Amino acid sequence: MIVDNYPPEPKIFCTVGHDWQSESIVTFSWTIEESNVRVIAYEFFISTVPVTDFSEISFIRTVNMETTVNLANYNDDSEYYFYLRSVGNNGSYSNTSVYEVKYNNLYKDNLYNKTNDKLLSMIKNGEINFD
């Protein structure tokens, strides 16, 4: 029998989806499966670039199973990557999970303007008639 000496990798959930959106306040939460290694904490960080080497990353440690962040505090318009790993009672780490959020504080205005411009164009071209 093979015994896994690492804590389980967290499964991440988020209050927003993966598409571009304008909601800057997002909550990440997570669950884990049972394991023979007890989880004593979680570590996370947020990046605007994909990361594959975590050796020089300063993770934020928490014992909670959710965290709320304001993406507007990081950058105005970007793809954000929320990285999370479990910390085991034996000092080991799980594989790192990632959740991508695309935030643009101008998205609502841009979507409104594009929709408005399209409607005006359709009215001018006679595609929409109010008779």
N, C-alpha and C. Protein backbone atom coordinates (compact mmCIF):
# COMPACT_ATOMS: atom_id res chain seq x y z
N MET A 1 0.84 -1.18 0.00
CA MET A 1 0.00 0.00 0.00
C MET A 1 0.89 1.24 0.00
N ILE A 2 0.53 2.22 -0.84
CA ILE A 2 1.27 3.48 -0.91
C ILE A 2 0.60 4.47 0.02
N VAL A 3 1.39 5.09 0.90
CA VAL A 3 0.87 6.09 1.83
C VAL A 3 1.29 7.46 1.33
N ASP A 4 0.31 8.33 1.17
CA ASP A 4 0.57 9.70 0.71
C ASP A 4 0.98 10.54 1.91
N ASN A 5 2.16 11.12 1.87
CA ASN A 5 2.66 11.93 2.99
C ASN A 5 2.50 13.43 2.75
N TYR A 6 1.55 13.78 1.90
CA TYR A 6 1.29 15.18 1.60
C TYR A 6 -0.17 15.49 1.90
N PRO A 7 -0.45 16.71 2.32
CA PRO A 7 -1.86 17.08 2.55
C PRO A 7 -2.60 17.16 1.22
N PRO A 8 -3.91 17.09 1.26
CA PRO A 8 -4.70 17.15 0.02
C PRO A 8 -4.67 18.54 -0.62
N GLU A 9 -4.72 18.53 -1.93
CA GLU A 9 -4.75 19.79 -2.69
C GLU A 9 -6.14 20.41 -2.56
N PRO A 10 -6.21 21.71 -2.24
CA PRO A 10 -7.53 22.35 -2.08
C PRO A 10 -8.25 22.52 -3.42
N LYS A 11 -9.56 22.43 -3.37
CA LYS A 11 -10.40 22.76 -4.52
C LYS A 11 -10.96 24.15 -4.27
N ILE A 12 -10.71 25.08 -5.20
CA ILE A 12 -11.05 26.50 -5.01
C ILE A 12 -12.40 26.82 -5.64
N PHE A 13 -13.16 27.64 -4.92
CA PHE A 13 -14.43 28.20 -5.41
C PHE A 13 -14.32 29.73 -5.29
N CYS A 14 -15.12 30.44 -6.08
CA CYS A 14 -15.04 31.90 -6.07
C CYS A 14 -16.42 32.50 -6.30
N THR A 15 -16.63 33.69 -5.76
CA THR A 15 -17.93 34.36 -5.91
C THR A 15 -18.13 34.92 -7.31
N VAL A 16 -17.08 34.94 -8.12
CA VAL A 16 -17.20 35.38 -9.52
C VAL A 16 -16.65 34.28 -10.41
N GLY A 17 -17.05 34.31 -11.66
CA GLY A 17 -16.59 33.30 -12.61
C GLY A 17 -15.25 33.65 -13.23
N HIS A 18 -14.94 32.96 -14.31
CA HIS A 18 -13.66 33.14 -14.98
C HIS A 18 -13.72 34.18 -16.10
N ASP A 19 -14.92 34.64 -16.49
CA ASP A 19 -15.04 35.62 -17.57
C ASP A 19 -14.70 37.02 -17.07
N TRP A 20 -14.45 37.93 -18.01
CA TRP A 20 -14.18 39.32 -17.64
C TRP A 20 -15.37 39.88 -16.89
N GLN A 21 -15.10 40.56 -15.82
CA GLN A 21 -16.16 41.14 -14.99
C GLN A 21 -15.61 42.35 -14.26
N SER A 22 -16.51 43.12 -13.67
CA SER A 22 -16.12 44.37 -13.03
C SER A 22 -16.23 44.34 -11.51
N GLU A 23 -16.61 43.23 -10.94
CA GLU A 23 -16.72 43.11 -9.48
C GLU A 23 -15.33 42.98 -8.89
N SER A 24 -14.91 43.99 -8.11
CA SER A 24 -13.54 43.96 -7.57
C SER A 24 -13.44 43.19 -6.25
N ILE A 25 -14.53 43.12 -5.50
CA ILE A 25 -14.51 42.40 -4.22
C ILE A 25 -14.89 40.95 -4.49
N VAL A 26 -13.94 40.05 -4.32
CA VAL A 26 -14.20 38.63 -4.57
C VAL A 26 -13.81 37.80 -3.35
N THR A 27 -14.56 36.75 -3.13
CA THR A 27 -14.27 35.83 -2.04
C THR A 27 -13.89 34.49 -2.63
N PHE A 28 -12.75 34.00 -2.20
CA PHE A 28 -12.29 32.67 -2.57
C PHE A 28 -12.53 31.76 -1.36
N SER A 29 -13.07 30.59 -1.62
CA SER A 29 -13.23 29.59 -0.56
C SER A 29 -12.73 28.27 -1.11
N TRP A 30 -12.53 27.30 -0.23
CA TRP A 30 -11.99 26.03 -0.69
C TRP A 30 -12.42 24.89 0.21
N THR A 31 -12.30 23.72 -0.35
CA THR A 31 -12.55 22.48 0.37
C THR A 31 -11.36 21.56 0.15
N ILE A 32 -11.26 20.56 0.99
CA ILE A 32 -10.23 19.55 0.82
C ILE A 32 -10.83 18.18 1.08
N GLU A 33 -10.22 17.16 0.52
CA GLU A 33 -10.64 15.79 0.79
C GLU A 33 -9.91 15.29 2.02
N GLU A 34 -10.43 14.23 2.60
CA GLU A 34 -9.76 13.64 3.76
C GLU A 34 -8.42 13.05 3.34
N SER A 35 -7.50 13.04 4.28
CA SER A 35 -6.16 12.56 4.01
C SER A 35 -5.55 12.02 5.29
N ASN A 36 -4.51 11.20 5.14
CA ASN A 36 -3.81 10.72 6.32
C ASN A 36 -2.90 11.80 6.91
N VAL A 37 -2.68 12.89 6.17
CA VAL A 37 -1.90 14.03 6.66
C VAL A 37 -2.89 15.13 7.05
N ARG A 38 -2.87 15.52 8.31
CA ARG A 38 -3.80 16.54 8.80
C ARG A 38 -3.37 17.92 8.30
N VAL A 39 -4.33 18.69 7.80
CA VAL A 39 -4.07 20.06 7.34
C VAL A 39 -4.11 20.99 8.54
N ILE A 40 -3.05 21.79 8.72
CA ILE A 40 -3.00 22.72 9.84
C ILE A 40 -3.14 24.17 9.40
N ALA A 41 -2.99 24.43 8.10
CA ALA A 41 -3.10 25.80 7.59
C ALA A 41 -3.19 25.76 6.07
N TYR A 42 -3.43 26.93 5.51
CA TYR A 42 -3.46 27.12 4.05
C TYR A 42 -2.58 28.32 3.75
N GLU A 43 -2.00 28.31 2.56
CA GLU A 43 -1.18 29.45 2.13
C GLU A 43 -1.64 29.86 0.74
N PHE A 44 -1.76 31.19 0.54
CA PHE A 44 -2.22 31.69 -0.75
C PHE A 44 -1.45 32.94 -1.15
N PHE A 45 -1.52 33.27 -2.43
CA PHE A 45 -1.05 34.56 -2.93
C PHE A 45 -1.77 34.84 -4.24
N ILE A 46 -1.75 36.10 -4.64
CA ILE A 46 -2.39 36.53 -5.88
C ILE A 46 -1.33 37.13 -6.78
N SER A 47 -1.42 36.78 -8.05
CA SER A 47 -0.46 37.26 -9.04
C SER A 47 -1.19 37.70 -10.30
N THR A 48 -0.60 38.61 -11.04
CA THR A 48 -1.17 39.01 -12.33
C THR A 48 -0.50 38.27 -13.48
N VAL A 49 0.40 37.38 -13.15
CA VAL A 49 1.06 36.54 -14.17
C VAL A 49 1.00 35.09 -13.71
N PRO A 50 0.92 34.15 -14.65
CA PRO A 50 0.95 32.74 -14.25
C PRO A 50 2.30 32.39 -13.62
N VAL A 51 2.26 31.58 -12.58
CA VAL A 51 3.47 31.18 -11.86
C VAL A 51 3.57 29.66 -11.86
N THR A 52 4.76 29.16 -12.12
CA THR A 52 4.98 27.71 -12.05
C THR A 52 6.04 27.35 -11.01
N ASP A 53 6.92 28.29 -10.68
CA ASP A 53 7.96 28.05 -9.68
C ASP A 53 7.59 28.84 -8.42
N PHE A 54 7.22 28.11 -7.37
CA PHE A 54 6.75 28.74 -6.14
C PHE A 54 7.85 28.89 -5.09
N SER A 55 9.09 28.58 -5.45
CA SER A 55 10.17 28.55 -4.46
C SER A 55 10.50 29.93 -3.88
N GLU A 56 10.24 30.99 -4.62
CA GLU A 56 10.58 32.33 -4.11
C GLU A 56 9.34 33.19 -3.87
N ILE A 57 8.20 32.55 -3.74
CA ILE A 57 6.94 33.27 -3.53
C ILE A 57 6.69 33.42 -2.03
N SER A 58 6.23 34.59 -1.63
CA SER A 58 5.84 34.83 -0.23
C SER A 58 4.33 34.58 -0.11
N PHE A 59 3.98 33.42 0.37
CA PHE A 59 2.58 33.06 0.57
C PHE A 59 2.06 33.74 1.85
N ILE A 60 0.75 33.95 1.88
CA ILE A 60 0.06 34.45 3.08
C ILE A 60 -0.56 33.23 3.75
N ARG A 61 -0.29 33.03 5.03
CA ARG A 61 -0.79 31.86 5.75
C ARG A 61 -2.09 32.20 6.48
N THR A 62 -3.02 31.24 6.46
CA THR A 62 -4.29 31.38 7.15
C THR A 62 -4.77 30.01 7.62
N VAL A 63 -5.61 30.01 8.65
CA VAL A 63 -6.26 28.77 9.06
C VAL A 63 -7.71 28.75 8.59
N ASN A 64 -8.17 29.86 8.03
CA ASN A 64 -9.54 29.95 7.52
C ASN A 64 -9.65 29.22 6.19
N MET A 65 -10.88 28.90 5.80
CA MET A 65 -11.12 28.23 4.52
C MET A 65 -11.78 29.16 3.52
N GLU A 66 -11.54 30.48 3.70
CA GLU A 66 -11.96 31.47 2.71
C GLU A 66 -11.22 32.76 2.98
N THR A 67 -11.13 33.56 1.93
CA THR A 67 -10.54 34.89 2.06
C THR A 67 -11.20 35.81 1.05
N THR A 68 -11.37 37.07 1.42
CA THR A 68 -11.96 38.06 0.54
C THR A 68 -10.90 39.09 0.19
N VAL A 69 -10.81 39.41 -1.09
CA VAL A 69 -9.82 40.38 -1.56
C VAL A 69 -10.48 41.43 -2.44
N ASN A 70 -9.86 42.59 -2.49
CA ASN A 70 -10.30 43.66 -3.38
C ASN A 70 -9.28 43.74 -4.51
N LEU A 71 -9.66 43.26 -5.68
CA LEU A 71 -8.74 43.25 -6.81
C LEU A 71 -8.34 44.64 -7.26
N ALA A 72 -9.15 45.63 -6.96
CA ALA A 72 -8.81 47.01 -7.32
C ALA A 72 -7.57 47.49 -6.58
N ASN A 73 -7.23 46.84 -5.47
CA ASN A 73 -6.02 47.20 -4.73
C ASN A 73 -4.75 46.70 -5.41
N TYR A 74 -4.89 45.77 -6.35
CA TYR A 74 -3.73 45.19 -7.01
C TYR A 74 -3.41 45.89 -8.33
N ASN A 75 -4.42 46.07 -9.16
CA ASN A 75 -4.24 46.63 -10.49
C ASN A 75 -5.62 46.96 -11.03
N ASP A 76 -5.70 47.85 -12.00
CA ASP A 76 -7.01 48.23 -12.51
C ASP A 76 -7.61 47.23 -13.49
N ASP A 77 -6.79 46.59 -14.27
CA ASP A 77 -7.29 45.78 -15.37
C ASP A 77 -6.32 44.64 -15.61
N SER A 78 -6.72 43.43 -15.22
CA SER A 78 -5.78 42.34 -15.38
C SER A 78 -6.46 41.00 -15.20
N GLU A 79 -5.72 39.97 -15.55
CA GLU A 79 -6.09 38.62 -15.19
C GLU A 79 -5.37 38.33 -13.88
N TYR A 80 -6.11 37.82 -12.91
CA TYR A 80 -5.54 37.52 -11.60
C TYR A 80 -5.54 36.02 -11.39
N TYR A 81 -4.50 35.55 -10.76
CA TYR A 81 -4.35 34.14 -10.45
C TYR A 81 -4.26 34.00 -8.93
N PHE A 82 -5.22 33.29 -8.37
CA PHE A 82 -5.25 33.03 -6.94
C PHE A 82 -4.67 31.64 -6.73
N TYR A 83 -3.52 31.59 -6.07
CA TYR A 83 -2.82 30.33 -5.81
C TYR A 83 -3.02 29.92 -4.36
N LEU A 84 -3.22 28.63 -4.14
CA LEU A 84 -3.53 28.13 -2.80
C LEU A 84 -2.94 26.74 -2.62
N ARG A 85 -2.39 26.51 -1.43
CA ARG A 85 -1.89 25.17 -1.09
C ARG A 85 -2.20 24.87 0.37
N SER A 86 -2.28 23.59 0.69
CA SER A 86 -2.49 23.14 2.07
C SER A 86 -1.14 22.90 2.73
N VAL A 87 -1.10 23.11 4.05
CA VAL A 87 0.09 22.84 4.84
C VAL A 87 -0.24 21.69 5.78
N GLY A 88 0.55 20.64 5.73
CA GLY A 88 0.30 19.47 6.56
C GLY A 88 0.97 19.55 7.92
N ASN A 89 0.46 18.77 8.85
CA ASN A 89 1.03 18.76 10.20
C ASN A 89 2.44 18.17 10.22
N ASN A 90 2.87 17.55 9.13
CA ASN A 90 4.22 17.02 9.04
C ASN A 90 5.17 18.00 8.33
N GLY A 91 4.68 19.23 8.05
CA GLY A 91 5.51 20.25 7.40
C GLY A 91 5.50 20.20 5.90
N SER A 92 4.76 19.27 5.31
CA SER A 92 4.71 19.16 3.85
C SER A 92 3.61 20.06 3.27
N TYR A 93 3.70 20.29 1.97
CA TYR A 93 2.72 21.11 1.25
C TYR A 93 2.02 20.27 0.20
N SER A 94 0.77 20.62 -0.06
CA SER A 94 0.04 19.98 -1.16
C SER A 94 0.50 20.58 -2.47
N ASN A 95 0.00 20.00 -3.56
CA ASN A 95 0.16 20.68 -4.85
C ASN A 95 -0.58 22.00 -4.76
N THR A 96 -0.16 22.96 -5.55
CA THR A 96 -0.76 24.29 -5.52
C THR A 96 -1.91 24.36 -6.51
N SER A 97 -3.08 24.77 -6.03
CA SER A 97 -4.26 24.97 -6.86
C SER A 97 -4.26 26.42 -7.36
N VAL A 98 -4.97 26.65 -8.47
CA VAL A 98 -5.05 28.01 -9.01
C VAL A 98 -6.47 28.27 -9.50
N TYR A 99 -6.91 29.52 -9.31
CA TYR A 99 -8.21 29.98 -9.81
C TYR A 99 -7.96 31.31 -10.51
N GLU A 100 -8.40 31.43 -11.76
CA GLU A 100 -8.17 32.65 -12.54
C GLU A 100 -9.42 33.53 -12.53
N VAL A 101 -9.21 34.81 -12.27
CA VAL A 101 -10.28 35.81 -12.32
C VAL A 101 -9.83 36.92 -13.25
N LYS A 102 -10.72 37.33 -14.15
CA LYS A 102 -10.41 38.43 -15.07
C LYS A 102 -11.19 39.65 -14.62
N TYR A 103 -10.46 40.65 -14.16
CA TYR A 103 -11.10 41.85 -13.60
C TYR A 103 -10.76 43.08 -14.44
N ASN A 104 -11.78 43.85 -14.75
CA ASN A 104 -11.62 45.11 -15.47
C ASN A 104 -12.65 46.08 -14.90
N ASN A 105 -12.17 47.12 -14.23
CA ASN A 105 -13.11 48.05 -13.59
C ASN A 105 -13.91 48.86 -14.60
N LEU A 106 -13.53 48.83 -15.87
CA LEU A 106 -14.27 49.55 -16.89
C LEU A 106 -15.20 48.64 -17.68
N TYR A 107 -15.27 47.37 -17.32
CA TYR A 107 -16.01 46.40 -18.12
C TYR A 107 -17.47 46.78 -18.29
N LYS A 108 -18.14 47.18 -17.22
CA LYS A 108 -19.57 47.54 -17.32
C LYS A 108 -19.76 48.71 -18.27
N ASP A 109 -18.93 49.76 -18.12
CA ASP A 109 -19.04 50.92 -18.99
C ASP A 109 -18.74 50.55 -20.44
N ASN A 110 -17.71 49.75 -20.66
CA ASN A 110 -17.36 49.35 -22.02
C ASN A 110 -18.46 48.51 -22.64
N LEU A 111 -19.03 47.58 -21.89
CA LEU A 111 -20.11 46.75 -22.40
C LEU A 111 -21.32 47.62 -22.73
N TYR A 112 -21.65 48.55 -21.84
CA TYR A 112 -22.77 49.45 -22.09
C TYR A 112 -22.54 50.26 -23.35
N ASN A 113 -21.36 50.83 -23.49
CA ASN A 113 -21.05 51.67 -24.65
C ASN A 113 -21.09 50.86 -25.94
N LYS A 114 -20.56 49.65 -25.93
CA LYS A 114 -20.58 48.80 -27.13
C LYS A 114 -22.01 48.46 -27.51
N THR A 115 -22.83 48.13 -26.52
CA THR A 115 -24.22 47.79 -26.78
C THR A 115 -24.96 49.02 -27.31
N ASN A 116 -24.75 50.16 -26.68
CA ASN A 116 -25.39 51.40 -27.09
C ASN A 116 -24.97 51.77 -28.52
N ASP A 117 -23.68 51.68 -28.83
CA ASP A 117 -23.18 51.99 -30.17
C ASP A 117 -23.80 51.06 -31.21
N LYS A 118 -23.91 49.78 -30.88
CA LYS A 118 -24.49 48.81 -31.80
C LYS A 118 -25.96 49.13 -32.06
N LEU A 119 -26.71 49.46 -31.03
CA LEU A 119 -28.12 49.81 -31.20
C LEU A 119 -28.28 51.06 -32.06
N LEU A 120 -27.47 52.09 -31.81
CA LEU A 120 -27.54 53.31 -32.62
C LEU A 120 -27.22 53.03 -34.08
N SER A 121 -26.24 52.19 -34.32
CA SER A 121 -25.87 51.81 -35.68
C SER A 121 -27.01 51.07 -36.37
N MET A 122 -27.67 50.18 -35.64
CA MET A 122 -28.78 49.42 -36.20
C MET A 122 -29.96 50.33 -36.51
N ILE A 123 -30.20 51.33 -35.69
CA ILE A 123 -31.29 52.29 -35.94
C ILE A 123 -30.97 53.11 -37.18
N LYS A 124 -29.74 53.61 -37.29
CA LYS A 124 -29.33 54.40 -38.45
C LYS A 124 -29.42 53.61 -39.74
N ASN A 125 -29.09 52.32 -39.67
CA ASN A 125 -29.12 51.47 -40.88
C ASN A 125 -30.51 50.92 -41.18
N GLY A 126 -31.49 51.30 -40.38
CA GLY A 126 -32.86 50.84 -40.60
C GLY A 126 -33.12 49.41 -40.16
N GLU A 127 -32.19 48.82 -39.44
CA GLU A 127 -32.37 47.44 -38.98
C GLU A 127 -33.37 47.38 -37.82
N ILE A 128 -33.54 48.49 -37.13
CA ILE A 128 -34.52 48.58 -36.05
C ILE A 128 -35.46 49.72 -36.42
N ASN A 129 -36.76 49.42 -36.37
CA ASN A 129 -37.75 50.41 -36.72
C ASN A 129 -38.74 50.50 -35.57
N PHE A 130 -39.08 51.72 -35.16
CA PHE A 130 -39.99 51.93 -34.04
C PHE A 130 -41.42 52.23 -34.49
N ASP A 131 -41.71 52.02 -35.76
CA ASP A 131 -43.07 52.27 -36.26
C ASP A 131 -44.03 51.21 -35.83
